[in-house]
Amino acid sequence: MEKIMDDKTLCPLCGEGHITPRTESTVTEYRGQESNVTLQYAECDVCGSEVVGDAEGRANKRAVLHFRKTVDGLLTGEEIRAIRDKYRLTQTQAAQLFGGGPVAFSKYENDDVAHSDAMDNLLRLVRRSEEAFWELVEEKQFSELLNRRPARITHYPTSDISYVVLTMRMDKPVPTQSANQMSYLIPHRTTQFEAPPWMQ
C-alpha cells in the first residue's frame, strides 16, 4: 500500500527534518494548450528539499492525464463513472460488456490510463442512447443485465387510432409465448387496459 507523507514523516534525504505536505498549481502544456494543474509534494523543514512519494506521484500523474484527456477530446474518469452509474454496472460488468480488460474501468475512472478512441465512441453512444445500450446487452447475451431491461413501448399508427405495442419480460413462463415475452396491443388513447388472465 502506498504511504502518504505527512508532517510526522522524516525527510528521506537529510534524515533530520520532518516533511510537510504541499500543493502547487503549475502550468502544464500539451499539444499547444495550457492549463493549471495542481501537483502534490512534500517539503523538509530542515534542508528544504522537495520530495514526491509514491502516492503523490500517482496523484500527480492522474491530474496531468485528466488534463490530456480533455485536450484529446476523451471522456474523463468522472464522466466514465457517471455512465457506469447510469446503468448500475459494476466495473467488472462494464469491462465484460464494453471490453478493455478485467480492471480497465478502474484505470479509466481513476485517470490512470487513457482509453482508445473506439472505446470513447462506444461509451458516448450508450450515454446518448439507452436503446443502443440494451441492444449491446442483447448482442452480448449478458444474462445478468437482460433481466433488468425495462418494458419497450412502440407506437404504430393505424388509420385514425394509434396503437401501442407493449413488450414485457415476465419472471414466470407465459403460455404459447417464447422467451417469456408477449406483445399486447392497446389503444394509444386508452388510459388503462385490462390485463389478460395470465398476468393476474
Protein backbone atom coordinates (compact mmCIF):
# COMPACT_ATOMS: atom_id res chain seq x y z
CA MET A 1 0.00 0.00 0.00
CA GLU A 2 1.27 3.47 -0.87
CA LYS A 3 2.18 5.62 2.11
CA ILE A 4 1.02 9.23 2.11
CA MET A 5 3.63 11.54 3.57
CA ASP A 6 2.63 13.77 6.49
CA ASP A 7 4.30 16.15 8.94
CA LYS A 8 5.48 13.19 11.07
CA THR A 9 7.48 11.64 8.26
CA LEU A 10 11.23 12.10 8.45
CA CYS A 11 12.94 13.61 5.43
CA PRO A 12 14.39 10.72 3.38
CA LEU A 13 17.27 12.95 2.23
CA CYS A 14 18.67 14.56 5.38
CA GLY A 15 17.07 12.25 7.96
CA GLU A 16 16.73 15.12 10.43
CA GLY A 17 13.82 17.29 9.46
CA HIS A 18 10.16 16.46 9.02
CA ILE A 19 8.36 16.94 5.75
CA THR A 20 5.18 18.96 5.31
CA PRO A 21 2.65 18.16 2.55
CA ARG A 22 2.32 20.91 -0.06
CA THR A 23 0.33 21.53 -3.22
CA GLU A 24 1.27 23.77 -6.07
CA SER A 25 -0.61 24.91 -9.14
CA THR A 26 1.65 24.70 -12.15
CA VAL A 27 1.07 25.49 -15.81
CA THR A 28 1.16 22.35 -17.96
CA GLU A 29 1.33 22.44 -21.76
CA TYR A 30 0.04 19.68 -24.04
CA ARG A 31 -0.48 19.85 -27.80
CA GLY A 32 -0.38 23.61 -27.78
CA GLN A 33 -2.85 24.04 -24.94
CA GLU A 34 -2.04 25.14 -21.41
CA SER A 35 -3.82 24.58 -18.11
CA ASN A 36 -3.15 24.96 -14.40
CA VAL A 37 -2.69 21.52 -12.83
CA THR A 38 -2.45 21.04 -9.06
CA LEU A 39 0.52 18.88 -8.09
CA GLN A 40 1.32 17.36 -4.70
CA TYR A 41 4.69 17.12 -2.97
CA ALA A 42 6.27 17.49 0.48
CA GLU A 43 8.93 19.88 1.78
CA CYS A 44 11.53 19.27 4.52
CA ASP A 45 11.55 21.85 7.32
CA VAL A 46 15.31 21.48 7.80
CA CYS A 47 17.06 21.01 4.46
CA GLY A 48 14.25 22.47 2.33
CA SER A 49 14.23 19.51 -0.07
CA GLU A 50 11.05 18.83 -2.04
CA VAL A 51 10.04 15.16 -2.01
CA VAL A 52 7.43 13.27 -4.02
CA GLY A 53 6.34 9.88 -2.64
CA ASP A 54 4.52 7.09 -4.44
CA ALA A 55 1.03 8.31 -3.51
CA GLU A 56 1.80 11.91 -4.50
CA GLY A 57 3.41 10.73 -7.74
CA ARG A 58 0.32 8.77 -8.68
CA ALA A 59 -1.99 11.69 -7.84
CA ASN A 60 0.17 14.00 -10.00
CA LYS A 61 0.11 11.55 -12.90
CA ARG A 62 -3.68 11.35 -12.71
CA ALA A 63 -4.04 15.14 -12.66
CA VAL A 64 -1.88 15.51 -15.75
CA LEU A 65 -3.64 12.68 -17.61
CA HIS A 66 -7.03 14.20 -16.77
CA PHE A 67 -5.90 17.40 -18.49
CA ARG A 68 -4.54 15.49 -21.50
CA LYS A 69 -7.81 13.56 -21.88
CA THR A 70 -9.68 16.84 -22.01
CA VAL A 71 -7.36 18.18 -24.72
CA ASP A 72 -7.70 14.95 -26.73
CA GLY A 73 -11.49 15.15 -26.51
CA LEU A 74 -11.79 11.93 -24.48
CA LEU A 75 -14.23 11.30 -21.67
CA THR A 76 -12.71 11.96 -18.26
CA GLY A 77 -12.71 9.44 -15.43
CA GLU A 78 -15.66 11.19 -13.77
CA GLU A 79 -17.71 11.05 -16.98
CA ILE A 80 -17.00 7.34 -17.46
CA ARG A 81 -18.02 6.66 -13.87
CA ALA A 82 -21.28 8.56 -14.47
CA ILE A 83 -22.09 6.36 -17.49
CA ARG A 84 -21.45 3.21 -15.47
CA ASP A 85 -23.59 4.51 -12.60
CA LYS A 86 -26.39 5.39 -15.02
CA TYR A 87 -26.80 1.72 -15.94
CA ARG A 88 -25.94 0.41 -12.45
CA LEU A 89 -22.93 -1.54 -13.69
CA THR A 90 -20.03 -2.74 -11.62
CA GLN A 91 -16.56 -2.12 -13.02
CA THR A 92 -16.31 -5.82 -13.82
CA GLN A 93 -19.64 -5.83 -15.68
CA ALA A 94 -18.62 -2.72 -17.64
CA ALA A 95 -15.37 -4.39 -18.71
CA GLN A 96 -17.24 -7.54 -19.79
CA LEU A 97 -19.76 -5.52 -21.78
CA PHE A 98 -17.55 -2.88 -23.38
CA GLY A 99 -14.16 -4.64 -23.33
CA GLY A 100 -10.76 -3.33 -22.30
CA GLY A 101 -9.72 -5.97 -19.78
CA PRO A 102 -10.77 -7.04 -16.27
CA VAL A 103 -9.51 -3.89 -14.48
CA ALA A 104 -9.89 -1.47 -17.39
CA PHE A 105 -12.68 0.63 -15.88
CA SER A 106 -10.87 1.05 -12.59
CA LYS A 107 -7.97 2.55 -14.55
CA TYR A 108 -10.22 4.64 -16.81
CA GLU A 109 -12.18 6.13 -13.92
CA ASN A 110 -9.10 6.92 -11.85
CA ASP A 111 -7.38 8.53 -14.86
CA ASP A 112 -4.55 6.01 -14.61
CA VAL A 113 -4.67 5.30 -18.36
CA ALA A 114 -6.29 6.88 -21.39
CA HIS A 115 -8.83 4.72 -23.22
CA SER A 116 -8.92 4.36 -27.01
CA ASP A 117 -10.93 6.48 -29.43
CA ALA A 118 -13.06 3.41 -30.25
CA MET A 119 -13.91 2.90 -26.58
CA ASP A 120 -14.69 6.61 -26.22
CA ASN A 121 -17.10 6.49 -29.18
CA LEU A 122 -18.87 3.42 -27.76
CA LEU A 123 -19.28 4.97 -24.33
CA ARG A 124 -20.59 8.22 -25.79
CA LEU A 125 -23.11 6.24 -27.86
CA VAL A 126 -24.60 4.42 -24.86
CA ARG A 127 -24.57 7.63 -22.82
CA ARG A 128 -26.67 9.22 -25.55
CA SER A 129 -28.94 6.25 -26.31
CA GLU A 130 -30.35 3.76 -23.81
CA GLU A 131 -31.65 1.73 -26.73
CA ALA A 132 -28.08 1.33 -28.01
CA PHE A 133 -27.02 0.13 -24.56
CA TRP A 134 -29.72 -2.54 -24.40
CA GLU A 135 -29.02 -3.65 -27.96
CA LEU A 136 -25.39 -4.19 -26.95
CA VAL A 137 -26.52 -6.15 -23.89
CA GLU A 138 -28.69 -8.39 -26.09
CA GLU A 139 -25.93 -8.84 -28.66
CA LYS A 140 -23.54 -9.97 -25.91
CA GLN A 141 -26.31 -12.13 -24.34
CA PHE A 142 -25.44 -10.61 -20.98
CA SER A 143 -27.94 -12.53 -18.84
CA GLU A 144 -27.16 -10.57 -15.66
CA LEU A 145 -28.38 -7.39 -17.33
CA LEU A 146 -31.11 -8.72 -19.65
CA ASN A 147 -33.40 -9.33 -16.69
CA ARG A 148 -33.21 -5.63 -15.82
CA ARG A 149 -34.30 -4.37 -19.23
CA PRO A 150 -37.40 -2.15 -18.91
CA ALA A 151 -40.55 -2.71 -20.95
CA ARG A 152 -40.32 -1.44 -24.51
CA ILE A 153 -43.18 0.59 -25.94
CA THR A 154 -43.54 1.06 -29.71
CA HIS A 155 -46.21 3.22 -31.37
CA TYR A 156 -47.83 2.07 -34.63
CA PRO A 157 -50.31 4.45 -36.35
CA THR A 158 -53.40 2.57 -37.67
CA SER A 159 -55.84 4.80 -39.59
CA ASP A 160 -57.21 7.29 -37.05
CA ILE A 161 -56.23 5.26 -33.97
CA SER A 162 -52.73 4.96 -32.65
CA TYR A 163 -51.88 1.65 -31.05
CA VAL A 164 -49.16 0.77 -28.58
CA VAL A 165 -47.22 -2.47 -28.61
CA LEU A 166 -46.17 -3.21 -25.04
CA THR A 167 -43.45 -5.86 -24.78
CA MET A 168 -42.84 -7.21 -21.29
CA ARG A 169 -40.36 -9.69 -19.89
CA MET A 170 -42.02 -11.96 -17.32
CA ASP A 171 -40.49 -13.92 -14.47
CA LYS A 172 -42.98 -16.78 -14.99
CA PRO A 173 -43.40 -18.68 -18.29
CA VAL A 174 -46.15 -17.27 -20.48
CA PRO A 175 -48.45 -19.76 -22.28
CA THR A 176 -47.82 -20.08 -26.05
CA GLN A 177 -45.09 -17.40 -25.91
CA SER A 178 -41.34 -17.89 -26.27
CA ALA A 179 -38.56 -16.25 -24.30
CA ASN A 180 -41.06 -15.20 -21.61
CA GLN A 181 -42.16 -12.22 -23.71
CA MET A 182 -45.53 -11.13 -25.02
CA SER A 183 -46.71 -8.26 -27.23
CA TYR A 184 -50.05 -6.80 -26.15
CA LEU A 185 -51.94 -4.23 -28.32
CA ILE A 186 -53.76 -1.45 -26.52
CA PRO A 187 -55.27 1.76 -27.98
CA HIS A 188 -52.94 4.70 -27.51
CA ARG A 189 -55.90 6.87 -26.46
CA THR A 190 -56.88 4.47 -23.68
CA THR A 191 -55.60 5.39 -20.25
CA GLN A 192 -55.75 1.83 -18.92
CA PHE A 193 -56.18 -1.71 -20.18
CA GLU A 194 -57.50 -4.94 -18.71
CA ALA A 195 -54.72 -7.39 -18.02
CA PRO A 196 -55.16 -10.86 -19.57
CA PRO A 197 -55.64 -13.79 -17.14
CA TRP A 198 -52.01 -14.92 -17.29
CA MET A 199 -50.86 -11.55 -15.94
CA GLN A 200 -53.18 -11.58 -12.94
